[in-house]
Structure formats: structure tokens, C-alpha cells
């Protein structure tokens, strides 16, 4: 056998360069949470390599087995930079960042802590992505930016759109407003950056549909967010559409189901609960159409919710019964 040359790395037993990745690698913060776990599943099924970054590991059997879990405190900029750049023995480099992690609602923590956690973690994700050259960032914004809860004040008009006034009424919604304002400026700094702020409506898990019968007798019970909701699986669809979108700059989208959570028609609901608010239904969308408009997401992203509550209740009842 001829002697190996010093340029023959294979013969010398030196490591070969890694083959180029053919799949996009996406990091999802909050991937162990209610929305996050369904986003992770959706992205894996769509063919992405997914890294779940959270303070808490996913529940047993919840996350696909090939999803890497990484602990991180997202208010720690050094930890965020390292996590987005490389984790020894696990991965190096990302194609997109999906930032879902947050204290998820008002009233769950002292206001200053909640605001600081949510605003700082969003800044860290945007700034670390900028420094590392990650050009695709999806942020979990919130329907609460439109003035929720609608009590005692009311919306200026219905349906709500992305052009409706942003009116935060809590430290939580204020933190989401700050996230959108920061996204505007990061996108201005870098014309090649794509940032999507997804204003998710009330996220519903597979089990939650058993509760839908409990509010049908009173339209005021769901007045607080104008009867909106989004199945967590459809949240995954919205995220994947953003990752694959060619849009540049910062874009805000309301993400809700095409229908309300109620059996009563939307016209009946608006007349009963918001009698002094002008309601202009969109032609062709039916009597139960959402009053949290998703027309922008449908037009620019191709968003099409698949999970309607009227079709999910029976399956939810079976799922809950099996868990007892």
C-alpha cells in the first residue's frame, strides 16, 4: 500500500469536513409550552431540524424524539448569543429563530418583572440574531395589543385589523408593543432582515375544546377578546409560513381562526355586546366569521386555519376521557 501523503486527511485519520445541511435548522424558544410544543411538532413534520430552547424540558412523549432540548435564560445576553451560535456536540448555526418564550399573560408575575422578562428576552433574541447574521426572526406578539380586555372600553370598529389602534392595557401587552417597535427598528437597520410579529389570539390546545360549551349561553363571557381563538396547531402553520416567506422587513399579522368561538352569528354577537360599534362583515366569509380579521395573513402568507372548534369538540372529549 502506498504511503499516505500529508494532504490525505482520510488516510491520516483526520476528521472530514461536515457535509452541507440540506434541511433548515430552526430554533424555537418556549418550545415546551402550550403553543410551542405544537409549533415544534408542525415544523418537524414539515421537514425542519428543530431545537427547543426553554427553561423547562418538554413533557414525556410530547416532543418528537429527534428534537434537541436546550436550557437557556433568555434574559441573559451571553447565554442567548451562545445558544444561537453553537452548542457543543449538538449544532452550529441556525436558519431561523422563532421566539415564543414569555411570561404568557398579565397577572402571572409582578408587573415590572413580567415586562422586564418579556421585553429583554425579545431584545436579546433580535440583537443576537443581528450579530450572528440570522435573517429570519418570528416573534410571538399578541392580540392584547388591540386593547384587550374589551372591558370597560370598546373597540373603535369591527372587525379588528392590523391597522387598528394599538392600545396596550397591561404590562404584558405593553411588553408586546415594545417588541413590535424594536422589530421595526431592527428591520430598518438591515433591509435583508425578515421579522414577523404574530399577534396570536387565545391559543387553544387539543383538550381545551371541551370547554367551548360552557360559554355558549352568554356572549359576554368571551367579550374580552371579541370571541377569537387559534388552535395551537394552526399557530404552527402560521410560523412555518413565515419561515418560508420571501417577505423582507417587519410585518405584523393577526393570527386567529376564521370563525368565532360562538354558535351565535357574528352579527348577533356584535349587536348584543357592542351595540354602538360599527360592524362591517367581510362578504363571502359566512355568518360566524372572526371579528379579529386574518385577511392580511391569508393574502400575504397563504394562511388557512384547519381546526374549527365545531369539528374538534368530539375528539377533545375522547382525549380527555382517555387521560382519566
Protein backbone atom coordinates (compact mmCIF):
# COMPACT_ATOMS: atom_id res chain seq x y z
CA UNK A 1 0.00 0.00 0.00
CA UNK A 2 1.46 3.40 -0.90
CA UNK A 3 2.37 5.71 1.93
CA UNK A 4 -0.21 8.34 2.69
CA UNK A 5 0.59 11.88 1.64
CA UNK A 6 0.37 14.62 4.22
CA UNK A 7 -2.62 16.04 2.32
CA UNK A 8 -4.56 12.77 2.56
CA UNK A 9 -6.63 13.54 5.67
CA UNK A 10 -8.72 10.39 5.35
CA UNK A 11 -5.67 8.16 5.47
CA UNK A 12 -4.27 10.08 8.41
CA UNK A 13 -7.47 9.55 10.35
CA UNK A 14 -8.28 13.27 10.49
CA UNK A 15 -11.94 14.33 10.62
CA UNK A 16 -13.62 15.13 7.35
CA UNK A 17 -15.45 18.38 6.83
CA UNK A 18 -19.14 18.06 7.56
CA UNK A 19 -21.45 17.78 4.57
CA UNK A 20 -23.63 20.82 3.97
CA UNK A 21 -27.01 20.70 5.66
CA UNK A 22 -29.88 20.12 3.29
CA UNK A 23 -32.53 20.93 5.92
CA UNK A 24 -33.11 24.27 7.57
CA UNK A 25 -32.39 24.38 11.28
CA UNK A 26 -34.88 26.40 13.33
CA UNK A 27 -34.59 27.34 16.99
CA UNK A 28 -37.88 27.67 18.86
CA UNK A 29 -37.89 29.37 22.26
CA UNK A 30 -40.67 28.28 24.57
CA UNK A 31 -40.95 25.03 22.66
CA UNK A 32 -42.15 23.19 25.77
CA UNK A 33 -45.18 25.46 26.20
CA UNK A 34 -48.79 25.23 25.06
CA UNK A 35 -48.22 26.87 21.68
CA UNK A 36 -44.55 25.98 21.41
CA UNK A 37 -44.93 22.21 21.56
CA UNK A 38 -47.39 22.25 18.65
CA UNK A 39 -45.14 24.60 16.67
CA UNK A 40 -42.23 22.20 17.22
CA UNK A 41 -44.30 19.22 16.04
CA UNK A 42 -45.55 21.13 12.99
CA UNK A 43 -42.05 22.21 11.95
CA UNK A 44 -40.61 18.71 12.38
CA UNK A 45 -43.40 17.26 10.24
CA UNK A 46 -42.68 19.98 7.66
CA UNK A 47 -39.08 18.76 7.39
CA UNK A 48 -37.14 21.20 9.58
CA UNK A 49 -34.40 20.40 12.09
CA UNK A 50 -35.75 21.89 15.33
CA UNK A 51 -34.04 22.98 18.54
CA UNK A 52 -36.29 23.65 21.55
CA UNK A 53 -34.92 26.29 23.92
CA UNK A 54 -36.84 26.62 27.17
CA UNK A 55 -36.36 26.85 30.93
CA UNK A 56 -38.33 23.63 31.23
CA UNK A 57 -37.93 20.38 29.29
CA UNK A 58 -40.92 19.12 27.30
CA UNK A 59 -43.22 16.61 28.95
CA UNK A 60 -42.59 12.94 28.36
CA UNK A 61 -43.79 11.86 24.93
CA UNK A 62 -44.78 15.42 23.95
CA UNK A 63 -41.88 16.44 21.73
CA UNK A 64 -40.67 14.42 18.73
CA UNK A 65 -37.65 12.30 19.74
CA UNK A 66 -35.28 13.98 17.27
CA UNK A 67 -35.78 17.48 18.72
CA UNK A 68 -32.84 18.79 20.74
CA UNK A 69 -33.78 20.43 24.05
CA UNK A 70 -31.51 23.19 25.39
CA UNK A 71 -31.91 25.11 28.64
CA UNK A 72 -31.45 28.88 28.48
CA UNK A 73 -32.32 32.01 30.42
CA UNK A 74 -33.25 34.37 27.59
CA UNK A 75 -32.74 37.48 29.71
CA UNK A 76 -29.02 36.58 29.80
CA UNK A 77 -27.49 38.01 26.61
CA UNK A 78 -24.35 35.89 26.83
CA UNK A 79 -26.39 32.70 27.08
CA UNK A 80 -28.60 33.80 24.18
CA UNK A 81 -25.58 34.54 21.97
CA UNK A 82 -24.04 31.15 22.70
CA UNK A 83 -27.31 29.31 22.21
CA UNK A 84 -27.96 30.90 18.82
CA UNK A 85 -24.36 30.40 17.66
CA UNK A 86 -23.40 26.87 18.71
CA UNK A 87 -23.95 24.22 21.37
CA UNK A 88 -21.03 21.79 21.65
CA UNK A 89 -21.84 18.39 20.24
CA UNK A 90 -25.34 19.40 19.18
CA UNK A 91 -25.46 22.01 16.46
CA UNK A 92 -23.79 25.02 14.89
CA UNK A 93 -25.67 27.72 13.02
CA UNK A 94 -29.35 28.49 12.54
CA UNK A 95 -31.51 29.45 9.59
CA UNK A 96 -34.37 30.98 11.58
CA UNK A 97 -35.38 31.88 15.12
CA UNK A 98 -38.92 31.54 16.46
CA UNK A 99 -39.28 33.41 19.74
CA UNK A 100 -42.36 32.23 21.64
CA UNK A 101 -41.00 32.16 25.18
CA UNK A 102 -42.51 34.69 27.60
CA UNK A 103 -44.50 35.06 30.76
CA UNK A 104 -47.70 34.42 28.80
CA UNK A 105 -50.32 36.66 30.38
CA UNK A 106 -50.96 39.61 32.66
CA UNK A 107 -51.36 38.80 36.34
CA UNK A 108 -48.84 35.95 36.44
CA UNK A 109 -45.98 37.99 37.91
CA UNK A 110 -45.21 41.41 39.33
CA UNK A 111 -45.71 43.90 36.50
CA UNK A 112 -42.10 45.10 36.41
CA UNK A 113 -40.76 41.56 36.36
CA UNK A 114 -43.17 40.46 33.64
CA UNK A 115 -42.38 43.46 31.46
CA UNK A 116 -38.64 43.19 32.02
CA UNK A 117 -38.57 39.47 31.25
CA UNK A 118 -40.61 39.72 28.06
CA UNK A 119 -39.09 42.91 26.67
CA UNK A 120 -35.48 41.99 27.50
CA UNK A 121 -35.71 38.47 26.10
CA UNK A 122 -37.19 39.83 22.85
CA UNK A 123 -34.41 42.41 22.57
CA UNK A 124 -31.77 39.74 23.21
CA UNK A 125 -33.20 37.47 20.52
CA UNK A 126 -33.32 40.29 17.95
CA UNK A 127 -29.86 41.62 18.80
CA UNK A 128 -28.18 38.21 18.93
CA UNK A 129 -29.77 37.29 15.60
CA UNK A 130 -28.46 40.55 14.12
CA UNK A 131 -24.94 39.96 15.39
CA UNK A 132 -24.91 36.37 14.12
CA UNK A 133 -26.40 37.15 10.72
CA UNK A 134 -29.67 35.24 11.21
CA UNK A 135 -32.04 36.88 8.74
CA UNK A 136 -35.37 35.29 9.71
CA UNK A 137 -36.97 36.00 13.09
CA UNK A 138 -40.56 35.20 14.09
CA UNK A 139 -41.87 36.81 17.28
CA UNK A 140 -44.94 35.90 19.31
CA UNK A 141 -46.84 39.15 19.65
CA UNK A 142 -50.39 39.22 20.97
CA UNK A 143 -54.00 40.09 20.23
CA UNK A 144 -53.94 42.01 23.53
CA UNK A 145 -52.25 44.89 21.69
CA UNK A 146 -55.63 45.91 20.25
CA UNK A 147 -56.90 46.93 23.69
CA UNK A 148 -57.84 43.68 25.39
CA UNK A 149 -59.69 43.06 27.51
CA UNK A 150 -62.62 44.97 25.98
CA UNK A 151 -63.94 45.95 29.39
CA UNK A 152 -64.95 48.67 30.06
CA UNK A 153 -63.77 50.34 26.84
CA UNK A 154 -64.83 49.08 23.41
CA UNK A 155 -63.13 48.77 20.02
CA UNK A 156 -63.46 51.70 17.61
CA UNK A 157 -64.88 49.43 14.89
CA UNK A 158 -65.19 45.77 13.96
CA UNK A 159 -63.60 43.70 12.58
CA UNK A 160 -60.24 44.46 14.18
CA UNK A 161 -57.36 44.58 11.67
CA UNK A 162 -53.61 45.17 11.84
CA UNK A 163 -54.37 48.84 11.18
CA UNK A 164 -56.50 49.17 14.32
CA UNK A 165 -55.03 51.30 17.08
CA UNK A 166 -52.50 49.55 19.27
CA UNK A 167 -53.72 50.15 22.81
CA UNK A 168 -51.91 48.09 25.45
CA UNK A 169 -53.82 47.83 28.73
CA UNK A 170 -51.35 45.83 30.83
CA UNK A 171 -47.64 45.36 31.39
CA UNK A 172 -47.93 42.17 29.33
CA UNK A 173 -49.43 43.86 26.28
CA UNK A 174 -47.03 46.78 26.71
CA UNK A 175 -44.11 44.33 26.51
CA UNK A 176 -45.53 43.03 23.24
CA UNK A 177 -45.86 46.56 21.88
CA UNK A 178 -42.23 47.23 22.75
CA UNK A 179 -41.29 44.03 20.91
CA UNK A 180 -43.02 45.23 17.75
CA UNK A 181 -41.42 48.68 17.99
CA UNK A 182 -37.99 47.09 18.38
CA UNK A 183 -38.68 44.86 15.38
CA UNK A 184 -39.45 47.96 13.29
CA UNK A 185 -36.03 49.39 14.03
CA UNK A 186 -34.05 46.18 13.60
CA UNK A 187 -35.66 45.74 10.18
CA UNK A 188 -34.81 49.35 9.33
CA UNK A 189 -31.17 48.76 10.24
CA UNK A 190 -30.96 45.71 7.97
CA UNK A 191 -33.02 45.67 4.74
CA UNK A 192 -32.34 41.93 4.35
CA UNK A 193 -33.90 41.06 7.67
CA UNK A 194 -37.34 39.43 7.83
CA UNK A 195 -39.19 39.84 11.14
CA UNK A 196 -42.75 38.65 11.66
CA UNK A 197 -44.79 39.68 14.70
CA UNK A 198 -47.63 37.18 15.02
CA UNK A 199 -50.49 38.53 17.12
CA UNK A 200 -51.83 35.20 18.27
CA UNK A 201 -55.40 35.07 19.50
CA UNK A 202 -56.32 32.95 22.55
CA UNK A 203 -54.34 29.75 21.98
CA UNK A 204 -56.40 26.58 22.27
CA UNK A 205 -54.90 23.13 22.86
CA UNK A 206 -56.49 19.88 21.72
CA UNK A 207 -58.01 19.32 25.18
CA UNK A 208 -59.41 22.85 25.56
CA UNK A 209 -62.31 22.28 23.18
CA UNK A 210 -64.30 20.52 25.92
CA UNK A 211 -64.81 23.97 27.49
CA UNK A 212 -66.49 25.58 24.48
CA UNK A 213 -69.98 24.56 25.59
CA UNK A 214 -69.59 26.44 28.88
CA UNK A 215 -69.90 29.93 27.39
CA UNK A 216 -72.46 29.50 24.61
CA UNK A 217 -75.32 30.80 26.80
CA UNK A 218 -73.71 34.21 27.37
CA UNK A 219 -71.90 36.21 24.65
CA UNK A 220 -70.41 38.49 27.33
CA UNK A 221 -68.25 35.67 28.71
CA UNK A 222 -65.97 35.93 25.69
CA UNK A 223 -66.37 39.65 25.11
CA UNK A 224 -62.86 40.24 26.43
CA UNK A 225 -61.21 39.24 23.13
CA UNK A 226 -64.17 39.56 20.75
CA UNK A 227 -64.72 35.78 20.65
CA UNK A 228 -61.40 34.94 18.99
CA UNK A 229 -59.20 31.84 19.26
CA UNK A 230 -56.48 29.95 17.40
CA UNK A 231 -55.73 26.24 17.54
CA UNK A 232 -52.11 25.76 18.56
CA UNK A 233 -51.59 23.54 15.51
CA UNK A 234 -52.70 26.36 13.24
CA UNK A 235 -50.24 28.54 15.11
CA UNK A 236 -47.59 26.13 13.86
CA UNK A 237 -48.84 26.61 10.33
CA UNK A 238 -48.54 30.40 10.65
CA UNK A 239 -44.97 30.11 11.93
CA UNK A 240 -43.91 27.80 9.09
CA UNK A 241 -45.46 30.12 6.50
CA UNK A 242 -43.36 32.97 7.90
CA UNK A 243 -40.17 30.88 7.78
CA UNK A 244 -40.78 30.05 4.12
CA UNK A 245 -41.95 33.56 3.18
CA UNK A 246 -39.83 35.79 0.93
CA UNK A 247 -41.11 38.98 2.58
CA UNK A 248 -38.46 41.38 3.87
CA UNK A 249 -38.84 43.94 6.64
CA UNK A 250 -41.14 43.80 9.65
CA UNK A 251 -44.68 42.52 9.23
CA UNK A 252 -47.47 42.19 11.81
CA UNK A 253 -50.23 39.61 11.42
CA UNK A 254 -53.32 38.79 13.44
CA UNK A 255 -53.49 35.00 13.78
CA UNK A 256 -56.94 33.69 14.63
CA UNK A 257 -59.42 31.11 13.42
CA UNK A 258 -61.75 32.02 10.57
CA UNK A 259 -64.73 31.64 12.91
CA UNK A 260 -65.59 32.81 16.43
CA UNK A 261 -65.92 30.57 19.48
CA UNK A 262 -69.70 31.00 19.47
CA UNK A 263 -72.75 29.31 17.98
CA UNK A 264 -74.49 32.69 17.58
CA UNK A 265 -73.70 34.61 14.41
CA UNK A 266 -71.11 37.36 14.47
CA UNK A 267 -73.76 39.97 13.64
CA UNK A 268 -75.84 38.81 16.62
CA UNK A 269 -72.82 38.89 18.92
CA UNK A 270 -71.75 42.38 17.89
CA UNK A 271 -75.28 43.74 18.20
CA UNK A 272 -75.71 42.29 21.68
CA UNK A 273 -72.29 43.15 23.14
CA UNK A 274 -71.06 46.11 21.11
CA UNK A 275 -74.30 47.85 20.01
CA UNK A 276 -72.60 51.21 19.48
CA UNK A 277 -69.65 49.85 17.47
CA UNK A 278 -69.87 49.72 13.69
CA UNK A 279 -69.56 46.15 12.41
CA UNK A 280 -68.79 45.59 8.73
CA UNK A 281 -68.71 41.88 7.87
CA UNK A 282 -66.45 40.73 5.06
CA UNK A 283 -68.56 39.50 2.12
CA UNK A 284 -68.34 35.78 1.47
CA UNK A 285 -66.89 34.71 4.83
CA UNK A 286 -70.11 33.43 6.36
CA UNK A 287 -72.26 34.24 9.38
CA UNK A 288 -69.72 33.11 12.00
CA UNK A 289 -66.68 34.91 10.62
CA UNK A 290 -63.99 36.10 13.00
CA UNK A 291 -64.07 39.74 14.02
CA UNK A 292 -60.28 39.56 14.50
CA UNK A 293 -59.54 39.84 10.80
CA UNK A 294 -57.00 37.42 9.32
CA UNK A 295 -57.35 38.71 5.76
CA UNK A 296 -53.79 40.09 5.75
CA UNK A 297 -52.30 36.75 6.82
CA UNK A 298 -54.42 34.93 4.25
CA UNK A 299 -53.35 37.28 1.46
CA UNK A 300 -49.62 37.67 2.21
CA UNK A 301 -48.80 34.33 3.83
CA UNK A 302 -51.43 31.96 2.45
CA UNK A 303 -52.65 31.28 5.99
CA UNK A 304 -55.67 28.96 6.18
CA UNK A 305 -56.73 27.67 9.63
CA UNK A 306 -57.68 24.00 9.53
CA UNK A 307 -59.01 23.29 13.03
CA UNK A 308 -62.51 24.64 13.68
CA UNK A 309 -63.92 24.20 17.17
CA UNK A 310 -67.19 22.72 15.89
CA UNK A 311 -65.17 19.86 14.38
CA UNK A 312 -62.84 19.38 17.38
CA UNK A 313 -65.17 19.01 20.37
CA UNK A 314 -65.88 15.29 19.93
CA UNK A 315 -62.18 14.46 19.57
CA UNK A 316 -61.35 16.57 22.62
CA UNK A 317 -63.92 14.72 24.71
CA UNK A 318 -62.37 11.38 23.72
CA UNK A 319 -58.88 12.68 24.50
CA UNK A 320 -59.84 13.96 27.94
CA UNK A 321 -61.70 10.74 28.75
CA UNK A 322 -58.65 8.67 27.79
CA UNK A 323 -56.46 10.71 30.13
CA UNK A 324 -58.65 9.99 33.19
